[in-house]
Amino acid sequence: MYNKQDLLHDLHKLRISNFGTLLVHSSMKSIGAVDGGAETVLDALSEYMKDGLLVLPTHTWSYINAENPNFYVDESPSCVGILTELFRKRPGVVRSLHPTHSVAALGEDASDFIAGNEQFDTPCARGSSWGKLLDRKATILLIGVDLRRNTYIHGVEEWLDIPNRLTDDHEQLYTVLRDGTKITVPSRRHIGHTSEKYERVDQLFQETGAMYLGKFGDATVRVCNTEKMTEVLLSVLKKNPHIFS
């Protein structure tokens, strides 16, 4: 059984900058038995990144839609894993206001990082938190999940305006704040299930140094460099926009 110190040791071995920005996609089950469970995992991540910015996705795309349009920032649960759901409720954590692709962040400038996501009509706009990951030269850590769960790649596809990645029409969605304020957010959605094909660049990412493998508990992890990953994706997608089709 792993404890917090074991997990901190693994993070140090992964050579992740603890002064930078780290976004984590995760499968709690993949880590194995942990003393204290998911809360201990979050304790380890938070302690390791105490001098930086820790970000987890808190998406709601699986159930916020035209038929169920109200995203309650304080209440709507994340649909992408137990770690993300527990993290958003922690003291000091702030959540962005995008109705389908919110993120939660912990750190000194967390509020600046999440600001303004509700102003965009796509899930991963260049000016949103997903684009800010590139501006910050962030690291993306995939714990027990592969590139199919790397939302950032959706962002690069958006920024390049790859055909047939977003709906033409908008859904009328709403972000509801704690005080009841309701923000109208017309939203286009991802289409085409392209993320199921993102593994096609797994080997290329490793060969180019955009990503390397490691361990966190029992989990195989992928450590992704947003700058290098973006360079590779820009090259690949300009040559073949349909590689993930």
Protein backbone atom coordinates (compact mmCIF):
# COMPACT_ATOMS: atom_id res chain seq x y z
CA MET A 1 0.00 0.00 0.00
CA TYR A 2 1.32 3.45 -0.94
CA ASN A 3 1.41 6.44 1.38
CA LYS A 4 1.83 10.15 0.68
CA GLN A 5 5.61 10.03 0.92
CA ASP A 6 5.74 7.21 -1.64
CA LEU A 7 3.69 9.30 -4.06
CA LEU A 8 5.80 12.42 -3.46
CA HIS A 9 8.89 10.33 -4.17
CA ASP A 10 7.36 9.21 -7.47
CA LEU A 11 6.56 12.80 -8.44
CA HIS A 12 10.16 13.86 -7.79
CA LYS A 13 11.41 10.94 -9.91
CA LEU A 14 9.17 12.14 -12.76
CA ARG A 15 11.18 15.41 -12.88
CA ILE A 16 8.09 17.61 -13.00
CA SER A 17 8.73 21.27 -12.19
CA ASN A 18 7.04 22.05 -8.89
CA PHE A 19 7.27 25.80 -9.56
CA GLY A 20 5.37 25.66 -12.84
CA THR A 21 1.88 24.67 -13.95
CA LEU A 22 0.74 21.05 -13.84
CA LEU A 23 -2.54 19.74 -15.27
CA VAL A 24 -3.50 16.19 -14.27
CA HIS A 25 -5.78 13.72 -16.04
CA SER A 26 -6.22 10.62 -13.92
CA SER A 27 -7.55 7.18 -13.14
CA MET A 28 -7.56 6.67 -9.38
CA LYS A 29 -7.97 2.91 -9.78
CA SER A 30 -4.75 2.66 -11.79
CA ILE A 31 -2.61 3.96 -8.89
CA GLY A 32 -3.32 0.94 -6.71
CA ALA A 33 -3.98 0.79 -2.97
CA VAL A 34 -3.24 4.10 -1.23
CA ASP A 35 -3.43 4.70 2.51
CA GLY A 36 -6.16 7.34 2.76
CA GLY A 37 -7.35 6.78 -0.79
CA ALA A 38 -8.03 9.58 -3.22
CA GLU A 39 -7.58 12.31 -0.62
CA THR A 40 -3.99 11.18 -0.02
CA VAL A 41 -3.30 11.34 -3.76
CA LEU A 42 -4.61 14.91 -3.83
CA ASP A 43 -2.59 15.74 -0.71
CA ALA A 44 0.56 14.54 -2.48
CA LEU A 45 -0.15 16.46 -5.69
CA SER A 46 -1.06 19.61 -3.78
CA GLU A 47 2.02 19.45 -1.55
CA TYR A 48 4.34 18.81 -4.48
CA MET A 49 2.89 21.80 -6.38
CA LYS A 50 2.58 24.14 -3.38
CA ASP A 51 4.87 26.68 -5.05
CA GLY A 52 3.25 26.33 -8.47
CA LEU A 53 -0.21 25.87 -9.95
CA LEU A 54 -2.11 22.56 -9.83
CA VAL A 55 -4.98 22.13 -12.30
CA LEU A 56 -7.48 19.31 -12.78
CA PRO A 57 -10.30 19.14 -15.36
CA THR A 58 -13.81 19.26 -13.87
CA HIS A 59 -15.73 18.65 -17.07
CA THR A 60 -19.50 18.30 -17.30
CA TRP A 61 -19.87 17.69 -21.05
CA SER A 62 -21.46 14.27 -20.48
CA TYR A 63 -24.67 15.75 -19.09
CA ILE A 64 -24.76 19.53 -19.61
CA ASN A 65 -26.47 20.06 -22.96
CA ALA A 66 -29.45 21.73 -24.62
CA GLU A 67 -31.86 19.48 -22.69
CA ASN A 68 -30.06 20.09 -19.37
CA PRO A 69 -28.47 23.51 -19.90
CA ASN A 70 -27.70 24.76 -16.39
CA PHE A 71 -24.14 24.36 -15.10
CA TYR A 72 -24.00 25.12 -11.37
CA VAL A 73 -20.40 26.07 -10.62
CA ASP A 74 -20.56 25.02 -6.96
CA GLU A 75 -22.72 21.94 -7.39
CA SER A 76 -22.46 20.30 -10.82
CA PRO A 77 -20.23 17.23 -10.41
CA SER A 78 -17.24 16.52 -12.59
CA CYS A 79 -17.71 13.66 -15.03
CA VAL A 80 -14.01 12.81 -15.40
CA GLY A 81 -13.08 10.89 -12.29
CA ILE A 82 -13.14 10.86 -8.50
CA LEU A 83 -9.92 12.85 -8.09
CA THR A 84 -11.36 15.74 -10.09
CA GLU A 85 -14.63 15.74 -8.16
CA LEU A 86 -12.91 15.73 -4.77
CA PHE A 87 -10.35 18.32 -5.85
CA ARG A 88 -12.92 20.94 -6.89
CA LYS A 89 -14.42 20.86 -3.37
CA ARG A 90 -11.12 21.43 -1.55
CA PRO A 91 -10.35 24.64 0.36
CA GLY A 92 -8.62 27.21 -1.81
CA VAL A 93 -9.54 25.55 -5.09
CA VAL A 94 -11.36 27.70 -7.66
CA ARG A 95 -13.36 26.44 -10.65
CA SER A 96 -13.74 28.09 -14.02
CA LEU A 97 -17.14 29.01 -15.43
CA HIS A 98 -17.19 27.15 -18.75
CA PRO A 99 -20.39 25.06 -18.78
CA THR A 100 -18.91 21.88 -20.32
CA HIS A 101 -15.11 22.07 -20.00
CA SER A 102 -14.39 23.74 -16.67
CA VAL A 103 -11.12 23.29 -14.82
CA ALA A 104 -10.29 23.63 -11.13
CA ALA A 105 -7.05 25.20 -9.96
CA LEU A 106 -5.05 25.60 -6.77
CA GLY A 107 -2.22 28.10 -6.45
CA GLU A 108 -1.33 31.73 -5.99
CA ASP A 109 -2.60 32.87 -9.39
CA ALA A 110 -5.35 30.28 -9.79
CA SER A 111 -8.08 32.91 -10.20
CA ASP A 112 -6.24 34.54 -13.10
CA PHE A 113 -5.72 31.16 -14.75
CA ILE A 114 -9.43 30.27 -14.75
CA ALA A 115 -10.74 33.76 -15.55
CA GLY A 116 -12.85 34.30 -18.64
CA ASN A 117 -13.44 30.74 -19.87
CA GLU A 118 -17.18 31.39 -20.08
CA GLN A 119 -16.53 34.11 -22.69
CA PHE A 120 -15.71 31.55 -25.38
CA ASP A 121 -18.18 29.54 -27.45
CA THR A 122 -15.89 26.50 -27.85
CA PRO A 123 -14.62 24.05 -25.23
CA CYS A 124 -10.88 24.73 -25.50
CA ALA A 125 -10.40 28.18 -27.05
CA ARG A 126 -6.89 29.59 -27.41
CA GLY A 127 -7.68 32.35 -24.93
CA SER A 128 -9.10 29.95 -22.35
CA SER A 129 -7.31 28.03 -19.63
CA TRP A 130 -6.44 25.37 -22.22
CA GLY A 131 -4.49 27.95 -24.23
CA LYS A 132 -2.94 29.40 -21.09
CA LEU A 133 -1.34 26.01 -20.50
CA LEU A 134 0.80 26.66 -23.57
CA ASP A 135 1.55 30.24 -22.52
CA ARG A 136 2.80 28.88 -19.18
CA LYS A 137 4.80 26.05 -20.77
CA ALA A 138 2.78 23.73 -18.55
CA THR A 139 3.25 20.03 -17.97
CA ILE A 140 0.34 17.64 -18.48
CA LEU A 141 0.46 14.46 -16.38
CA LEU A 142 -1.64 11.51 -17.51
CA ILE A 143 -1.96 9.13 -14.55
CA GLY A 144 -3.09 5.70 -15.69
CA VAL A 145 -4.77 7.10 -18.79
CA ASP A 146 -3.44 7.53 -22.32
CA LEU A 147 -3.56 10.28 -24.92
CA ARG A 148 -7.25 9.62 -25.56
CA ARG A 149 -7.88 11.55 -22.33
CA ASN A 150 -5.58 14.45 -23.21
CA THR A 151 -8.08 17.28 -23.69
CA TYR A 152 -5.28 19.65 -24.69
CA ILE A 153 -5.07 17.95 -28.11
CA HIS A 154 -8.70 18.99 -28.71
CA GLY A 155 -7.49 22.53 -28.09
CA VAL A 156 -4.77 22.37 -30.73
CA GLU A 157 -7.30 21.02 -33.23
CA GLU A 158 -9.59 23.94 -32.40
CA TRP A 159 -6.84 26.53 -32.78
CA LEU A 160 -5.95 25.17 -36.22
CA ASP A 161 -9.63 25.14 -37.20
CA ILE A 162 -9.46 21.50 -38.31
CA PRO A 163 -12.69 20.71 -40.24
CA ASN A 164 -15.46 18.68 -38.63
CA ARG A 165 -14.21 19.05 -35.06
CA LEU A 166 -16.97 21.36 -33.76
CA THR A 167 -20.69 21.71 -34.35
CA ASP A 168 -21.69 24.62 -36.58
CA ASP A 169 -24.68 25.43 -34.41
CA HIS A 170 -24.67 26.63 -30.82
CA GLU A 171 -26.46 25.22 -27.80
CA GLN A 172 -27.83 27.76 -25.36
CA LEU A 173 -26.13 26.83 -22.09
CA TYR A 174 -26.03 28.70 -18.78
CA THR A 175 -23.49 29.02 -16.00
CA VAL A 176 -25.14 29.57 -12.61
CA LEU A 177 -23.08 31.19 -9.87
CA ARG A 178 -23.43 30.66 -6.13
CA ASP A 179 -25.55 33.80 -5.73
CA GLY A 180 -27.93 32.66 -8.47
CA THR A 181 -26.52 34.88 -11.20
CA LYS A 182 -27.09 33.18 -14.55
CA ILE A 183 -24.60 33.72 -17.38
CA THR A 184 -25.65 32.85 -20.94
CA VAL A 185 -22.95 30.85 -22.74
CA PRO A 186 -23.79 29.90 -26.36
CA SER A 187 -21.66 26.81 -26.96
CA ARG A 188 -20.43 24.70 -29.84
CA ARG A 189 -19.50 21.11 -29.06
CA HIS A 190 -16.77 18.66 -30.06
CA ILE A 191 -17.90 16.07 -32.58
CA GLY A 192 -16.41 13.05 -34.31
CA HIS A 193 -14.86 11.12 -31.36
CA THR A 194 -11.41 12.10 -32.64
CA SER A 195 -9.88 11.62 -29.19
CA GLU A 196 -10.15 7.86 -29.68
CA LYS A 197 -7.45 8.25 -32.37
CA TYR A 198 -5.03 10.41 -30.38
CA GLU A 199 -2.93 7.36 -29.58
CA ARG A 200 -1.70 7.53 -33.18
CA VAL A 201 0.88 10.12 -32.08
CA ASP A 202 1.94 8.36 -28.87
CA GLN A 203 5.16 6.96 -30.31
CA LEU A 204 5.92 10.20 -32.15
CA PHE A 205 5.53 12.18 -28.93
CA GLN A 206 8.02 9.89 -27.23
CA GLU A 207 10.51 9.99 -30.12
CA THR A 208 10.47 13.80 -30.26
CA GLY A 209 10.73 14.31 -26.50
CA ALA A 210 7.24 15.78 -26.25
CA MET A 211 6.31 13.03 -23.80
CA TYR A 212 7.99 10.42 -21.62
CA LEU A 213 6.71 7.55 -19.51
CA GLY A 214 7.06 6.92 -15.80
CA LYS A 215 5.31 5.48 -12.75
CA PHE A 216 3.06 6.91 -10.05
CA GLY A 217 2.15 4.18 -7.63
CA ASP A 218 1.14 1.27 -9.86
CA ALA A 219 0.06 3.58 -12.67
CA THR A 220 1.95 4.07 -15.89
CA VAL A 221 2.03 7.81 -16.47
CA ARG A 222 2.69 10.02 -19.47
CA VAL A 223 4.44 13.32 -18.80
CA CYS A 224 3.67 15.76 -21.62
CA ASN A 225 5.45 19.01 -22.45
CA THR A 226 2.85 21.41 -23.88
CA GLU A 227 5.36 23.38 -25.99
CA LYS A 228 6.91 20.34 -27.63
CA MET A 229 3.57 18.58 -27.95
CA THR A 230 2.12 21.61 -29.73
CA GLU A 231 5.07 21.81 -32.13
CA VAL A 232 4.59 18.16 -33.08
CA LEU A 233 0.84 18.50 -33.47
CA LEU A 234 1.11 21.63 -35.61
CA SER A 235 3.49 19.83 -37.94
CA VAL A 236 1.43 16.64 -38.11
CA LEU A 237 -1.96 18.30 -38.50
CA LYS A 238 -0.79 20.73 -41.18
CA LYS A 239 0.51 17.79 -43.21
CA ASN A 240 -2.51 15.59 -42.52
CA PRO A 241 -5.54 17.32 -40.97
CA HIS A 242 -7.40 14.01 -41.01
CA ILE A 243 -4.91 11.94 -38.99
CA PHE A 244 -7.40 11.64 -36.12
CA SER A 245 -10.46 11.16 -38.35
